[in-house]
Amino acid sequence: MNKQRRKRIEEAVTLIEQAKEIIEEVKDDEEEAFENLPESLQNGERGEAMQTAVDNMETAFGELEEAVSSLEEAAE
């Protein structure tokens, strides 16, 4: 891989890292909101939806970590 393509990969990694930060922030906010719900709402439909959203964000975060790893390996 030439220098120009490596630089583009580095730019992509930087953008993905920014996306990971945003996802982590939103996930933390959603978890905090869930924890502040009364227990009756945590166990209800709203609480389940919030937990599903958190789980999905954790999955997305992990997949972005894998993408960064793959891109870094490609640029070696």
Protein backbone atom coordinates (compact mmCIF):
# COMPACT_ATOMS: atom_id res chain seq x y z
CA MET A 1 0.00 0.00 0.00
CA ASN A 2 1.39 3.37 -0.90
CA LYS A 3 1.71 6.38 1.38
CA GLN A 4 -1.39 8.13 0.00
CA ARG A 5 -3.65 5.12 0.59
CA ARG A 6 -2.21 4.61 4.07
CA LYS A 7 -3.03 8.23 4.85
CA ARG A 8 -6.64 7.71 3.69
CA ILE A 9 -6.90 4.63 5.93
CA GLU A 10 -5.59 6.71 8.85
CA GLU A 11 -8.28 9.31 8.12
CA ALA A 12 -10.93 6.59 8.13
CA VAL A 13 -9.64 5.24 11.44
CA THR A 14 -9.80 8.73 12.94
CA LEU A 15 -13.42 9.12 11.84
CA ILE A 16 -14.34 5.70 13.21
CA GLU A 17 -12.69 6.57 16.53
CA GLN A 18 -14.82 9.74 16.65
CA ALA A 19 -17.93 7.68 15.95
CA LYS A 20 -16.97 5.28 18.75
CA GLU A 21 -16.69 8.20 21.18
CA ILE A 22 -20.15 9.44 20.21
CA ILE A 23 -21.66 5.97 20.56
CA GLU A 24 -20.01 5.49 23.96
CA GLU A 25 -21.34 8.84 25.16
CA VAL A 26 -24.90 8.14 23.99
CA LYS A 27 -24.77 4.61 25.42
CA ASP A 28 -23.63 5.93 28.80
CA ASP A 29 -26.42 8.54 28.78
CA GLU A 30 -29.01 5.89 27.93
CA GLU A 31 -27.73 3.58 30.68
CA GLU A 32 -27.90 6.42 33.19
CA ALA A 33 -31.43 7.29 32.09
CA PHE A 34 -32.41 3.62 32.48
CA GLU A 35 -30.90 3.44 35.95
CA ASN A 36 -32.84 6.56 36.97
CA LEU A 37 -36.18 5.02 35.96
CA PRO A 38 -38.37 3.59 38.68
CA GLU A 39 -38.04 -0.18 38.84
CA SER A 40 -41.56 -0.67 37.53
CA LEU A 41 -40.62 1.18 34.32
CA GLN A 42 -37.27 -0.58 34.04
CA ASN A 43 -39.12 -3.89 33.85
CA GLY A 44 -41.71 -2.56 31.42
CA GLU A 45 -41.74 -1.97 27.70
CA ARG A 46 -39.87 1.33 27.94
CA GLY A 47 -37.09 -0.16 30.04
CA GLU A 48 -36.74 -3.11 27.70
CA ALA A 49 -36.47 -0.76 24.72
CA MET A 50 -33.77 1.22 26.49
CA GLN A 51 -31.83 -1.95 27.30
CA THR A 52 -32.13 -3.09 23.69
CA ALA A 53 -30.77 0.27 22.53
CA VAL A 54 -27.82 -0.03 24.92
CA ASP A 55 -27.12 -3.58 23.75
CA ASN A 56 -27.23 -2.48 20.11
CA MET A 57 -24.84 0.38 20.79
CA GLU A 58 -22.44 -1.99 22.55
CA THR A 59 -22.58 -4.28 19.52
CA ALA A 60 -21.95 -1.39 17.13
CA PHE A 61 -19.05 -0.18 19.28
CA GLY A 62 -17.46 -3.63 19.19
CA GLU A 63 -17.89 -3.91 15.45
CA LEU A 64 -16.26 -0.51 14.98
CA GLU A 65 -13.33 -1.67 17.11
CA GLU A 66 -12.97 -4.66 14.82
CA ALA A 67 -13.11 -2.37 11.78
CA VAL A 68 -10.32 -0.22 13.18
CA SER A 69 -8.21 -3.30 13.85
CA SER A 70 -8.76 -4.60 10.32
CA LEU A 71 -7.92 -1.25 8.76
CA GLU A 72 -4.76 -0.92 10.82
CA GLU A 73 -3.68 -4.38 9.73
CA ALA A 74 -4.41 -3.50 6.11
CA ALA A 75 -2.22 -0.41 6.34
CA GLU A 76 0.79 -2.28 7.70
